[in-house]
Amino acid sequence: MLTAPIVDYDSLARCLLREYLKPHTDIKVMGECGNGFAAVQALTDPDTARRPNLLFLEIQMP
């Protein structure tokens, strides 16, 4: 099983992605982050068992 957080500033987009992932029982959403700083904190957890295998990250580029 893959574990993955969802990172997006838009809560509706995070909700939509979570809905898209529901049929994929091999992916466990381990949490959501609303900004990059929170994502870095979650991804650098010293407990390696809590580190994700996959990351859904929305970025805005100019």
PDB file of N, CA and C in Angstrom:
ATOM      1  N   MET A   1       0.838  -1.180   0.000  1.00  0.00           N
ATOM      2  CA  MET A   1       0.000   0.000   0.000  1.00  0.00           C
ATOM      3  C   MET A   1       0.881   1.240   0.000  1.00  0.00           C
ATOM      4  N   LEU A   2       0.495   2.215  -0.825  1.00  0.00           N
ATOM      5  CA  LEU A   2       1.188   3.490  -0.876  1.00  0.00           C
ATOM      6  C   LEU A   2       0.521   4.465   0.084  1.00  0.00           C
ATOM      7  N   THR A   3       1.328   5.276   0.739  1.00  0.00           N
ATOM      8  CA  THR A   3       0.799   6.333   1.590  1.00  0.00           C
ATOM      9  C   THR A   3       1.149   7.666   0.954  1.00  0.00           C
ATOM     10  N   ALA A   4       0.215   8.612   1.016  1.00  0.00           N
ATOM     11  CA  ALA A   4       0.430   9.891   0.345  1.00  0.00           C
ATOM     12  C   ALA A   4      -0.325  11.015   1.042  1.00  0.00           C
ATOM     13  N   PRO A   5       0.338  12.178   1.216  1.00  0.00           N
ATOM     14  CA  PRO A   5      -0.388  13.367   1.642  1.00  0.00           C
ATOM     15  C   PRO A   5      -0.868  14.145   0.413  1.00  0.00           C
ATOM     16  N   ILE A   6      -1.843  15.002   0.614  1.00  0.00           N
ATOM     17  CA  ILE A   6      -2.328  15.891  -0.436  1.00  0.00           C
ATOM     18  C   ILE A   6      -1.953  17.312  -0.030  1.00  0.00           C
ATOM     19  N   VAL A   7      -1.264  18.029  -0.922  1.00  0.00           N
ATOM     20  CA  VAL A   7      -0.837  19.395  -0.634  1.00  0.00           C
ATOM     21  C   VAL A   7      -1.433  20.326  -1.680  1.00  0.00           C
ATOM     22  N   ASP A   8      -2.287  21.216  -1.233  1.00  0.00           N
ATOM     23  CA  ASP A   8      -2.894  22.214  -2.117  1.00  0.00           C
ATOM     24  C   ASP A   8      -3.449  23.324  -1.236  1.00  0.00           C
ATOM     25  N   TYR A   9      -3.305  24.555  -1.652  1.00  0.00           N
ATOM     26  CA  TYR A   9      -3.818  25.673  -0.857  1.00  0.00           C
ATOM     27  C   TYR A   9      -5.347  25.737  -0.882  1.00  0.00           C
ATOM     28  N   ASP A  10      -5.955  25.130  -1.891  1.00  0.00           N
ATOM     29  CA  ASP A  10      -7.405  25.181  -2.082  1.00  0.00           C
ATOM     30  C   ASP A  10      -8.071  23.956  -1.445  1.00  0.00           C
ATOM     31  N   SER A  11      -8.883  24.174  -0.435  1.00  0.00           N
ATOM     32  CA  SER A  11      -9.507  23.051   0.275  1.00  0.00           C
ATOM     33  C   SER A  11     -10.466  22.270  -0.624  1.00  0.00           C
ATOM     34  N   LEU A  12     -11.131  22.943  -1.563  1.00  0.00           N
ATOM     35  CA  LEU A  12     -12.021  22.227  -2.477  1.00  0.00           C
ATOM     36  C   LEU A  12     -11.236  21.302  -3.409  1.00  0.00           C
ATOM     37  N   ALA A  13     -10.073  21.736  -3.848  1.00  0.00           N
ATOM     38  CA  ALA A  13      -9.231  20.894  -4.702  1.00  0.00           C
ATOM     39  C   ALA A  13      -8.740  19.672  -3.927  1.00  0.00           C
ATOM     40  N   ARG A  14      -8.387  19.866  -2.658  1.00  0.00           N
ATOM     41  CA  ARG A  14      -7.963  18.729  -1.831  1.00  0.00           C
ATOM     42  C   ARG A  14      -9.103  17.736  -1.669  1.00  0.00           C
ATOM     43  N   CYS A  15     -10.289  18.254  -1.456  1.00  0.00           N
ATOM     44  CA  CYS A  15     -11.477  17.398  -1.303  1.00  0.00           C
ATOM     45  C   CYS A  15     -11.742  16.616  -2.589  1.00  0.00           C
ATOM     46  N   LEU A  16     -11.635  17.276  -3.732  1.00  0.00           N
ATOM     47  CA  LEU A  16     -11.858  16.622  -5.014  1.00  0.00           C
ATOM     48  C   LEU A  16     -10.836  15.513  -5.254  1.00  0.00           C
ATOM     49  N   LEU A  17      -9.577  15.787  -4.967  1.00  0.00           N
ATOM     50  CA  LEU A  17      -8.544  14.767  -5.155  1.00  0.00           C
ATOM     51  C   LEU A  17      -8.783  13.579  -4.237  1.00  0.00           C
ATOM     52  N   ARG A  18      -9.198  13.854  -3.015  1.00  0.00           N
ATOM     53  CA  ARG A  18      -9.517  12.757  -2.083  1.00  0.00           C
ATOM     54  C   ARG A  18     -10.640  11.890  -2.651  1.00  0.00           C
ATOM     55  N   GLU A  19     -11.641  12.513  -3.261  1.00  0.00           N
ATOM     56  CA  GLU A  19     -12.737  11.760  -3.886  1.00  0.00           C
ATOM     57  C   GLU A  19     -12.223  10.927  -5.062  1.00  0.00           C
ATOM     58  N   TYR A  20     -11.345  11.505  -5.876  1.00  0.00           N
ATOM     59  CA  TYR A  20     -10.768  10.770  -7.005  1.00  0.00           C
ATOM     60  C   TYR A  20      -9.973   9.547  -6.537  1.00  0.00           C
ATOM     61  N   LEU A  21      -9.372   9.639  -5.365  1.00  0.00           N
ATOM     62  CA  LEU A  21      -8.535   8.552  -4.865  1.00  0.00           C
ATOM     63  C   LEU A  21      -9.319   7.456  -4.147  1.00  0.00           C
ATOM     64  N   LYS A  22     -10.566   7.710  -3.799  1.00  0.00           N
ATOM     65  CA  LYS A  22     -11.356   6.714  -3.054  1.00  0.00           C
ATOM     66  C   LYS A  22     -11.381   5.333  -3.708  1.00  0.00           C
ATOM     67  N   PRO A  23     -11.565   5.219  -5.023  1.00  0.00           N
ATOM     68  CA  PRO A  23     -11.607   3.885  -5.632  1.00  0.00           C
ATOM     69  C   PRO A  23     -10.250   3.156  -5.603  1.00  0.00           C
ATOM     70  N   HIS A  24      -9.177   3.885  -5.368  1.00  0.00           N
ATOM     71  CA  HIS A  24      -7.838   3.289  -5.377  1.00  0.00           C
ATOM     72  C   HIS A  24      -7.487   2.833  -3.958  1.00  0.00           C
ATOM     73  N   THR A  25      -7.884   1.627  -3.643  1.00  0.00           N
ATOM     74  CA  THR A  25      -7.696   1.119  -2.284  1.00  0.00           C
ATOM     75  C   THR A  25      -6.238   0.843  -1.944  1.00  0.00           C
ATOM     76  N   ASP A  26      -5.367   0.911  -2.941  1.00  0.00           N
ATOM     77  CA  ASP A  26      -3.938   0.703  -2.697  1.00  0.00           C
ATOM     78  C   ASP A  26      -3.219   2.003  -2.327  1.00  0.00           C
ATOM     79  N   ILE A  27      -3.958   3.134  -2.258  1.00  0.00           N
ATOM     80  CA  ILE A  27      -3.385   4.413  -1.861  1.00  0.00           C
ATOM     81  C   ILE A  27      -4.114   4.914  -0.627  1.00  0.00           C
ATOM     82  N   LYS A  28      -3.363   5.146   0.439  1.00  0.00           N
ATOM     83  CA  LYS A  28      -3.936   5.665   1.681  1.00  0.00           C
ATOM     84  C   LYS A  28      -3.525   7.124   1.820  1.00  0.00           C
ATOM     85  N   VAL A  29      -4.505   8.018   1.854  1.00  0.00           N
ATOM     86  CA  VAL A  29      -4.221   9.437   2.063  1.00  0.00           C
ATOM     87  C   VAL A  29      -3.913   9.624   3.539  1.00  0.00           C
ATOM     88  N   MET A  30      -2.695  10.051   3.827  1.00  0.00           N
ATOM     89  CA  MET A  30      -2.247  10.139   5.211  1.00  0.00           C
ATOM     90  C   MET A  30      -2.450  11.520   5.818  1.00  0.00           C
ATOM     91  N   GLY A  31      -2.996  12.427   5.045  1.00  0.00           N
ATOM     92  CA  GLY A  31      -3.266  13.756   5.577  1.00  0.00           C
ATOM     93  C   GLY A  31      -3.308  14.784   4.470  1.00  0.00           C
ATOM     94  N   GLU A  32      -3.611  16.009   4.869  1.00  0.00           N
ATOM     95  CA  GLU A  32      -3.686  17.120   3.932  1.00  0.00           C
ATOM     96  C   GLU A  32      -2.921  18.299   4.500  1.00  0.00           C
ATOM     97  N   CYS A  33      -2.307  19.063   3.611  1.00  0.00           N
ATOM     98  CA  CYS A  33      -1.608  20.281   3.990  1.00  0.00           C
ATOM     99  C   CYS A  33      -2.097  21.403   3.091  1.00  0.00           C
ATOM    100  N   GLY A  34      -2.293  22.582   3.676  1.00  0.00           N
ATOM    101  CA  GLY A  34      -2.792  23.711   2.920  1.00  0.00           C
ATOM    102  C   GLY A  34      -1.722  24.641   2.402  1.00  0.00           C
ATOM    103  N   ASN A  35      -0.449  24.364   2.747  1.00  0.00           N
ATOM    104  CA  ASN A  35       0.632  25.204   2.237  1.00  0.00           C
ATOM    105  C   ASN A  35       1.946  24.422   2.247  1.00  0.00           C
ATOM    106  N   GLY A  36       2.934  24.981   1.597  1.00  0.00           N
ATOM    107  CA  GLY A  36       4.221  24.308   1.468  1.00  0.00           C
ATOM    108  C   GLY A  36       4.941  24.114   2.785  1.00  0.00           C
ATOM    109  N   PHE A  37       4.852  25.092   3.670  1.00  0.00           N
ATOM    110  CA  PHE A  37       5.534  24.973   4.960  1.00  0.00           C
ATOM    111  C   PHE A  37       5.010  23.778   5.755  1.00  0.00           C
ATOM    112  N   ALA A  38       3.695  23.635   5.801  1.00  0.00           N
ATOM    113  CA  ALA A  38       3.099  22.492   6.513  1.00  0.00           C
ATOM    114  C   ALA A  38       3.496  21.181   5.848  1.00  0.00           C
ATOM    115  N   ALA A  39       3.613  21.193   4.525  1.00  0.00           N
ATOM    116  CA  ALA A  39       4.011  19.976   3.802  1.00  0.00           C
ATOM    117  C   ALA A  39       5.437  19.578   4.152  1.00  0.00           C
ATOM    118  N   VAL A  40       6.350  20.543   4.197  1.00  0.00           N
ATOM    119  CA  VAL A  40       7.743  20.238   4.545  1.00  0.00           C
ATOM    120  C   VAL A  40       7.813  19.660   5.950  1.00  0.00           C
ATOM    121  N   GLN A  41       7.063  20.216   6.871  1.00  0.00           N
ATOM    122  CA  GLN A  41       7.041  19.682   8.237  1.00  0.00           C
ATOM    123  C   GLN A  41       6.540  18.239   8.252  1.00  0.00           C
ATOM    124  N   ALA A  42       5.481  17.965   7.503  1.00  0.00           N
ATOM    125  CA  ALA A  42       4.925  16.613   7.479  1.00  0.00           C
ATOM    126  C   ALA A  42       5.863  15.628   6.798  1.00  0.00           C
ATOM    127  N   LEU A  43       6.557  16.072   5.758  1.00  0.00           N
ATOM    128  CA  LEU A  43       7.414  15.167   4.980  1.00  0.00           C
ATOM    129  C   LEU A  43       8.744  14.880   5.650  1.00  0.00           C
ATOM    130  N   THR A  44       9.145  15.692   6.589  1.00  0.00           N
ATOM    131  CA  THR A  44      10.431  15.480   7.254  1.00  0.00           C
ATOM    132  C   THR A  44      10.263  14.932   8.665  1.00  0.00           C
ATOM    133  N   ASP A  45       9.189  14.214   8.882  1.00  0.00           N
ATOM    134  CA  ASP A  45       8.928  13.585  10.177  1.00  0.00           C
ATOM    135  C   ASP A  45      10.092  12.654  10.512  1.00  0.00           C
ATOM    136  N   PRO A  46      10.660  12.770  11.707  1.00  0.00           N
ATOM    137  CA  PRO A  46      11.783  11.892  12.067  1.00  0.00           C
ATOM    138  C   PRO A  46      11.406  10.410  12.121  1.00  0.00           C
ATOM    139  N   ASP A  47      10.133  10.117  12.310  1.00  0.00           N
ATOM    140  CA  ASP A  47       9.668   8.732  12.319  1.00  0.00           C
ATOM    141  C   ASP A  47       9.519   8.277  10.863  1.00  0.00           C
ATOM    142  N   THR A  48      10.466   7.501  10.372  1.00  0.00           N
ATOM    143  CA  THR A  48      10.464   7.095   8.960  1.00  0.00           C
ATOM    144  C   THR A  48       9.230   6.287   8.577  1.00  0.00           C
ATOM    145  N   ALA A  49       8.558   5.680   9.528  1.00  0.00           N
ATOM    146  CA  ALA A  49       7.347   4.919   9.228  1.00  0.00           C
ATOM    147  C   ALA A  49       6.203   5.846   8.809  1.00  0.00           C
ATOM    148  N   ARG A  50       6.314   7.128   9.171  1.00  0.00           N
ATOM    149  CA  ARG A  50       5.261   8.090   8.828  1.00  0.00           C
ATOM    150  C   ARG A  50       5.569   8.857   7.541  1.00  0.00           C
ATOM    151  N   ARG A  51       6.686   8.596   6.916  1.00  0.00           N
ATOM    152  CA  ARG A  51       7.027   9.279   5.671  1.00  0.00           C
ATOM    153  C   ARG A  51       6.271   8.656   4.504  1.00  0.00           C
ATOM    154  N   PRO A  52       5.774   9.496   3.594  1.00  0.00           N
ATOM    155  CA  PRO A  52       4.953   8.982   2.491  1.00  0.00           C
ATOM    156  C   PRO A  52       5.781   8.333   1.387  1.00  0.00           C
ATOM    157  N   ASN A  53       5.098   7.510   0.579  1.00  0.00           N
ATOM    158  CA  ASN A  53       5.693   6.905  -0.607  1.00  0.00           C
ATOM    159  C   ASN A  53       5.399   7.725  -1.851  1.00  0.00           C
ATOM    160  N   LEU A  54       4.382   8.574  -1.753  1.00  0.00           N
ATOM    161  CA  LEU A  54       3.857   9.302  -2.897  1.00  0.00           C
ATOM    162  C   LEU A  54       3.380  10.655  -2.407  1.00  0.00           C
ATOM    163  N   LEU A  55       3.461  11.678  -3.261  1.00  0.00           N
ATOM    164  CA  LEU A  55       3.048  13.017  -2.871  1.00  0.00           C
ATOM    165  C   LEU A  55       2.181  13.621  -3.966  1.00  0.00           C
ATOM    166  N   PHE A  56       0.998  14.105  -3.581  1.00  0.00           N
ATOM    167  CA  PHE A  56       0.150  14.854  -4.504  1.00  0.00           C
ATOM    168  C   PHE A  56       0.313  16.323  -4.140  1.00  0.00           C
ATOM    169  N   LEU A  57       1.010  17.048  -5.008  1.00  0.00           N
ATOM    170  CA  LEU A  57       1.409  18.414  -4.713  1.00  0.00           C
ATOM    171  C   LEU A  57       0.965  19.341  -5.836  1.00  0.00           C
ATOM    172  N   GLU A  58       0.223  20.365  -5.503  1.00  0.00           N
ATOM    173  CA  GLU A  58      -0.196  21.353  -6.484  1.00  0.00           C
ATOM    174  C   GLU A  58       0.696  22.569  -6.292  1.00  0.00           C
ATOM    175  N   ILE A  59       1.318  23.006  -7.366  1.00  0.00           N
ATOM    176  CA  ILE A  59       2.144  24.209  -7.294  1.00  0.00           C
ATOM    177  C   ILE A  59       1.663  25.199  -8.327  1.00  0.00           C
ATOM    178  N   GLN A  60       1.866  26.469  -8.030  1.00  0.00           N
ATOM    179  CA  GLN A  60       1.498  27.516  -8.971  1.00  0.00           C
ATOM    180  C   GLN A  60       2.777  28.147  -9.470  1.00  0.00           C
ATOM    181  N   MET A  61       2.963  28.088 -10.770  1.00  0.00           N
ATOM    182  CA  MET A  61       4.167  28.644 -11.389  1.00  0.00           C
ATOM    183  C   MET A  61       3.776  29.884 -12.191  1.00  0.00           C
ATOM    184  N   PRO A  62       4.639  30.902 -12.207  1.00  0.00           N
ATOM    185  CA  PRO A  62       4.325  32.094 -13.004  1.00  0.00           C
ATOM    186  C   PRO A  62       4.388  31.825 -14.495  1.00  0.00           C
TER     187      PRO A  62
END
